[in-house]
C-alpha atoms as a PDB file:
ATOM      1  CA  MET A   1     -27.897 -10.506 -13.367  1.00  0.00           C
ATOM      2  CA  ARG A   2     -25.086 -11.807 -10.441  1.00  0.00           C
ATOM      3  CA  LEU A   3     -24.122 -14.481 -12.712  1.00  0.00           C
ATOM      4  CA  VAL A   4     -23.370 -11.497 -15.434  1.00  0.00           C
ATOM      5  CA  ALA A   5     -21.592  -9.058 -12.100  1.00  0.00           C
ATOM      6  CA  VAL A   6     -19.223 -12.489 -11.387  1.00  0.00           C
ATOM      7  CA  LEU A   7     -18.481 -13.259 -14.456  1.00  0.00           C
ATOM      8  CA  LEU A   8     -17.449  -9.476 -15.222  1.00  0.00           C
ATOM      9  CA  LEU A   9     -15.685  -9.323 -12.361  1.00  0.00           C
ATOM     10  CA  LEU A  10     -13.609 -12.182 -12.911  1.00  0.00           C
ATOM     11  CA  ALA A  11     -12.600 -11.149 -16.585  1.00  0.00           C
ATOM     12  CA  THR A  12     -11.655  -8.129 -14.661  1.00  0.00           C
ATOM     13  CA  ALA A  13      -9.600  -9.634 -12.242  1.00  0.00           C
ATOM     14  CA  LEU A  14      -7.573 -11.285 -15.410  1.00  0.00           C
ATOM     15  CA  ALA A  15      -7.444  -8.623 -17.304  1.00  0.00           C
ATOM     16  CA  SER A  16      -5.332  -7.227 -14.587  1.00  0.00           C
ATOM     17  CA  ALA A  17      -3.610 -10.173 -14.036  1.00  0.00           C
ATOM     18  CA  GLN A  18      -1.651 -10.156 -17.410  1.00  0.00           C
ATOM     19  CA  GLU A  19      -0.166  -6.733 -16.246  1.00  0.00           C
ATOM     20  CA  LEU A  20       1.964  -9.106 -13.730  1.00  0.00           C
ATOM     21  CA  PRO A  21       5.496  -9.908 -14.406  1.00  0.00           C
ATOM     22  CA  ALA A  22       6.171 -14.084 -14.305  1.00  0.00           C
ATOM     23  CA  GLY A  23       7.651 -15.214 -11.060  1.00  0.00           C
ATOM     24  CA  PRO A  24       7.166 -17.653  -8.600  1.00  0.00           C
ATOM     25  CA  GLY A  25       3.856 -16.530  -6.752  1.00  0.00           C
ATOM     26  CA  ARG A  26       2.148 -14.978  -9.108  1.00  0.00           C
ATOM     27  CA  ASP A  27      -0.476 -17.235  -9.820  1.00  0.00           C
ATOM     28  CA  ALA A  28      -1.644 -16.950  -5.526  1.00  0.00           C
ATOM     29  CA  VAL A  29      -1.211 -13.342  -5.951  1.00  0.00           C
ATOM     30  CA  MET A  30      -3.645 -13.321  -8.909  1.00  0.00           C
ATOM     31  CA  LYS A  31      -6.189 -15.827  -7.176  1.00  0.00           C
ATOM     32  CA  ARG A  32      -5.966 -14.470  -4.013  1.00  0.00           C
ATOM     33  CA  CYS A  33      -4.882 -10.688  -3.794  1.00  0.00           C
ATOM     34  CA  LEU A  34      -6.673  -9.691  -7.469  1.00  0.00           C
ATOM     35  CA  ALA A  35     -10.366 -11.007  -6.273  1.00  0.00           C
ATOM     36  CA  CYS A  36     -10.750  -7.690  -4.780  1.00  0.00           C
ATOM     37  CA  HIS A  37      -7.935  -5.330  -5.750  1.00  0.00           C
ATOM     38  CA  GLU A  38      -7.243  -3.620  -8.649  1.00  0.00           C
ATOM     39  CA  ILE A  39      -3.302  -4.355 -10.266  1.00  0.00           C
ATOM     40  CA  ASP A  40      -3.028  -0.443  -9.271  1.00  0.00           C
ATOM     41  CA  LEU A  41      -3.209  -1.167  -5.912  1.00  0.00           C
ATOM     42  CA  ILE A  42      -0.537  -4.199  -5.423  1.00  0.00           C
ATOM     43  CA  VAL A  43       1.809  -2.110  -7.895  1.00  0.00           C
ATOM     44  CA  GLN A  44       1.395   1.123  -5.847  1.00  0.00           C
ATOM     45  CA  GLN A  45       2.430  -0.513  -2.748  1.00  0.00           C
ATOM     46  CA  ARG A  46       6.530  -0.350  -2.511  1.00  0.00           C
ATOM     47  CA  LEU A  47       6.460  -2.587   0.872  1.00  0.00           C
ATOM     48  CA  SER A  48       9.838  -4.104   2.549  1.00  0.00           C
ATOM     49  CA  THR A  49       9.489  -7.481   2.893  1.00  0.00           C
ATOM     50  CA  PRO A  50       8.603  -7.364   6.537  1.00  0.00           C
ATOM     51  CA  GLY A  51       5.647  -4.832   5.025  1.00  0.00           C
ATOM     52  CA  TRP A  52       4.550  -7.317   2.674  1.00  0.00           C
ATOM     53  CA  THR A  53       4.192  -9.976   5.330  1.00  0.00           C
ATOM     54  CA  ARG A  54       2.247  -7.448   7.496  1.00  0.00           C
ATOM     55  CA  GLU A  55      -0.079  -7.082   4.431  1.00  0.00           C
ATOM     56  CA  VAL A  56      -0.793 -10.612   3.352  1.00  0.00           C
ATOM     57  CA  ASP A  57      -1.633 -11.354   7.645  1.00  0.00           C
ATOM     58  CA  LYS A  58      -3.460  -8.154   7.758  1.00  0.00           C
ATOM     59  CA  MET A  59      -5.624  -9.430   4.591  1.00  0.00           C
ATOM     60  CA  VAL A  60      -5.817 -13.018   6.395  1.00  0.00           C
ATOM     61  CA  ARG A  61      -6.871 -11.278   9.101  1.00  0.00           C
ATOM     62  CA  TRP A  62      -9.887  -9.370   7.411  1.00  0.00           C
ATOM     63  CA  GLY A  63     -10.770 -12.913   5.871  1.00  0.00           C
ATOM     64  CA  ALA A  64      -8.767 -13.666   2.377  1.00  0.00           C
ATOM     65  CA  VAL A  65      -8.363 -17.098   2.109  1.00  0.00           C
ATOM     66  CA  VAL A  66      -4.464 -17.881   1.402  1.00  0.00           C
ATOM     67  CA  GLU A  67      -3.743 -21.463   1.852  1.00  0.00           C
ATOM     68  CA  PRO A  68      -0.611 -22.398   4.117  1.00  0.00           C
ATOM     69  CA  GLY A  69       1.637 -22.948   1.017  1.00  0.00           C
ATOM     70  CA  GLU A  70       1.140 -19.801  -1.093  1.00  0.00           C
ATOM     71  CA  ARG A  71       1.694 -17.264   1.666  1.00  0.00           C
ATOM     72  CA  GLU A  72       5.650 -17.419   2.005  1.00  0.00           C
ATOM     73  CA  PRO A  73       5.440 -17.707  -2.142  1.00  0.00           C
ATOM     74  CA  MET A  74       3.334 -14.433  -2.385  1.00  0.00           C
ATOM     75  CA  ILE A  75       5.456 -12.285   0.204  1.00  0.00           C
ATOM     76  CA  GLY A  76       8.378 -13.340  -1.611  1.00  0.00           C
ATOM     77  CA  TYR A  77       6.740 -12.167  -5.316  1.00  0.00           C
ATOM     78  CA  LEU A  78       5.086  -9.208  -4.180  1.00  0.00           C
ATOM     79  CA  SER A  79       8.609  -7.976  -2.393  1.00  0.00           C
ATOM     80  CA  ARG A  80      10.417  -8.690  -5.663  1.00  0.00           C
ATOM     81  CA  HIS A  81       8.359  -7.306  -8.075  1.00  0.00           C
ATOM     82  CA  PHE A  82       6.450  -4.743  -5.817  1.00  0.00           C
ATOM     83  CA  GLY A  83       8.738  -4.137  -3.035  1.00  0.00           C
ATOM     84  CA  VAL A  84      11.546  -0.534  -1.677  1.00  0.00           C
ATOM     85  CA  ARG A  85      11.928   0.715  -3.882  1.00  0.00           C
ATOM     86  CA  PRO A  86      15.913   1.885  -3.827  1.00  0.00           C
ATOM     87  CA  ALA A  87      17.804   4.648  -2.318  1.00  0.00           C
ATOM     88  CA  ALA A  88      18.946   6.204  -5.596  1.00  0.00           C
ATOM     89  CA  SER A  89      15.120   6.086  -6.820  1.00  0.00           C
ATOM     90  CA  ARG A  90      13.432   8.202  -3.953  1.00  0.00           C
ATOM     91  CA  PRO A  91      13.260  11.324  -3.353  1.00  0.00           C
ATOM     92  CA  SER A  92      16.423  12.107  -1.011  1.00  0.00           C
ATOM     93  CA  PRO A  93      15.159  14.144   2.500  1.00  0.00           C
ATOM     94  CA  ALA A  94      15.728  17.742   0.841  1.00  0.00           C
ATOM     95  CA  ASP A  95      12.725  17.274  -1.446  1.00  0.00           C
ATOM     96  CA  ASN A  96       9.932  19.611  -0.042  1.00  0.00           C
ATOM     97  CA  VAL A  97       7.764  18.108   2.301  1.00  0.00           C
ATOM     98  CA  GLU A  98       4.267  17.912  -0.153  1.00  0.00           C
ATOM     99  CA  ALA A  99       5.933  15.592  -2.551  1.00  0.00           C
ATOM    100  CA  THR A 100       6.530  13.262   0.477  1.00  0.00           C
ATOM    101  CA  TYR A 101       3.114  13.944   1.128  1.00  0.00           C
ATOM    102  CA  LYS A 102       2.292  12.791  -2.100  1.00  0.00           C
ATOM    103  CA  ARG A 103       4.766   9.826  -2.677  1.00  0.00           C
ATOM    104  CA  ALA A 104       3.463   8.450   0.809  1.00  0.00           C
ATOM    105  CA  CYS A 105      -0.042   9.317   1.624  1.00  0.00           C
ATOM    106  CA  LEU A 106      -1.780   9.362  -1.770  1.00  0.00           C
ATOM    107  CA  GLY A 107      -0.469   6.737  -2.951  1.00  0.00           C
ATOM    108  CA  CYS A 108      -2.404   4.545  -0.968  1.00  0.00           C
ATOM    109  CA  HIS A 109      -5.204   7.269   0.843  1.00  0.00           C
ATOM    110  CA  GLU A 110      -7.819   9.403  -1.722  1.00  0.00           C
ATOM    111  CA  GLY A 111      -7.221  13.453  -0.470  1.00  0.00           C
ATOM    112  CA  ASP A 112     -10.673  13.564   1.164  1.00  0.00           C
ATOM    113  CA  ILE A 113      -9.824  10.327   3.473  1.00  0.00           C
ATOM    114  CA  ILE A 114      -6.856  12.373   5.083  1.00  0.00           C
ATOM    115  CA  GLU A 115      -8.118  15.639   4.965  1.00  0.00           C
ATOM    116  CA  GLY A 116     -11.154  14.642   6.738  1.00  0.00           C
ATOM    117  CA  GLN A 117      -9.084  12.747  10.227  1.00  0.00           C
ATOM    118  CA  ARG A 118      -8.374  16.966  11.107  1.00  0.00           C
ATOM    119  CA  LEU A 119      -6.170  15.374  14.174  1.00  0.00           C
ATOM    120  CA  PRO A 120      -4.039  17.630  16.610  1.00  0.00           C
ATOM    121  CA  ARG A 121      -0.221  17.431  16.071  1.00  0.00           C
ATOM    122  CA  ALA A 122      -0.227  14.049  18.338  1.00  0.00           C
ATOM    123  CA  GLY A 123      -2.903  12.674  16.974  1.00  0.00           C
ATOM    124  CA  TRP A 124      -1.214  13.261  13.577  1.00  0.00           C
ATOM    125  CA  THR A 125       2.343  11.999  14.958  1.00  0.00           C
ATOM    126  CA  ARG A 126       0.306   8.774  15.763  1.00  0.00           C
ATOM    127  CA  THR A 127      -0.824   7.979  12.380  1.00  0.00           C
ATOM    128  CA  VAL A 128       2.170   8.679  10.708  1.00  0.00           C
ATOM    129  CA  GLU A 129       4.037   5.771  12.792  1.00  0.00           C
ATOM    130  CA  LYS A 130       1.567   3.817  12.337  1.00  0.00           C
ATOM    131  CA  MET A 131       1.203   4.284   8.429  1.00  0.00           C
ATOM    132  CA  ILE A 132       5.266   3.434   8.247  1.00  0.00           C
ATOM    133  CA  ARG A 133       5.057   0.364  10.242  1.00  0.00           C
ATOM    134  CA  TRP A 134       2.303  -0.263   7.972  1.00  0.00           C
ATOM    135  CA  GLY A 135       4.851  -0.194   5.417  1.00  0.00           C
ATOM    136  CA  ALA A 136       4.858   4.155   4.792  1.00  0.00           C
ATOM    137  CA  ALA A 137       8.058   5.076   2.872  1.00  0.00           C
ATOM    138  CA  VAL A 138       8.640   7.885   5.339  1.00  0.00           C
ATOM    139  CA  ASP A 139      12.613   8.111   6.382  1.00  0.00           C
ATOM    140  CA  ASP A 140      13.639   9.481   9.873  1.00  0.00           C
ATOM    141  CA  SER A 141      14.148  12.714   8.205  1.00  0.00           C
ATOM    142  CA  GLU A 142      10.686  13.338   6.316  1.00  0.00           C
ATOM    143  CA  LYS A 143       8.697  12.167   9.333  1.00  0.00           C
ATOM    144  CA  SER A 144       9.514  15.293  11.907  1.00  0.00           C
ATOM    145  CA  SER A 145       8.445  17.786   8.079  1.00  0.00           C
ATOM    146  CA  LEU A 146       5.432  15.972   7.208  1.00  0.00           C
ATOM    147  CA  VAL A 147       3.566  15.730  10.301  1.00  0.00           C
ATOM    148  CA  ASP A 148       3.836  19.388  10.784  1.00  0.00           C
ATOM    149  CA  TYR A 149       2.416  19.611   7.054  1.00  0.00           C
ATOM    150  CA  LEU A 150      -0.033  17.741   7.750  1.00  0.00           C
ATOM    151  CA  ALA A 151      -0.977  19.515  11.052  1.00  0.00           C
ATOM    152  CA  GLY A 152      -0.667  22.693   9.389  1.00  0.00           C
ATOM    153  CA  ARG A 153      -2.749  21.537   5.982  1.00  0.00           C
ATOM    154  CA  PHE A 154      -5.738  19.650   8.212  1.00  0.00           C
ATOM    155  CA  PRO A 155      -5.865  20.852  11.872  1.00  0.00           C
ATOM    156  CA  VAL A 156      -8.426  20.539  14.669  1.00  0.00           C
ATOM    157  CA  ARG A 157     -11.311  22.161  13.492  1.00  0.00           C
END
């Protein structure tokens, strides 16, 4: 039974891996990232090079095995193919805060996790700033309205 589960997991990872674009670092991403994550989690991240560096380093701290020669090619690959979108394709600060919430928060988290937080404004500010440090694409002009939105929609009970 365990062998069947492992084979199914491997087949799923290989099927997902076929959707990754070709390029240096692809094999390491397939081997190291898709062993635990679905491809959509990687594709939706859209992190900068420092963001991908932090993400890879975090995964290593959490137990991912990445050989020293794989780290830089993985980060380069992820940054090239799943990096921050050009400014022209990102919503402008004039877009409504709900779009910012959907893009910046729901791109990585399920709504119930966010709703369960129930933080005061100061708590939402710390959380949004932490997510920005971890690579969330939130402009300075969007940050305050996003915090207001979260604090108003998910206030302390």
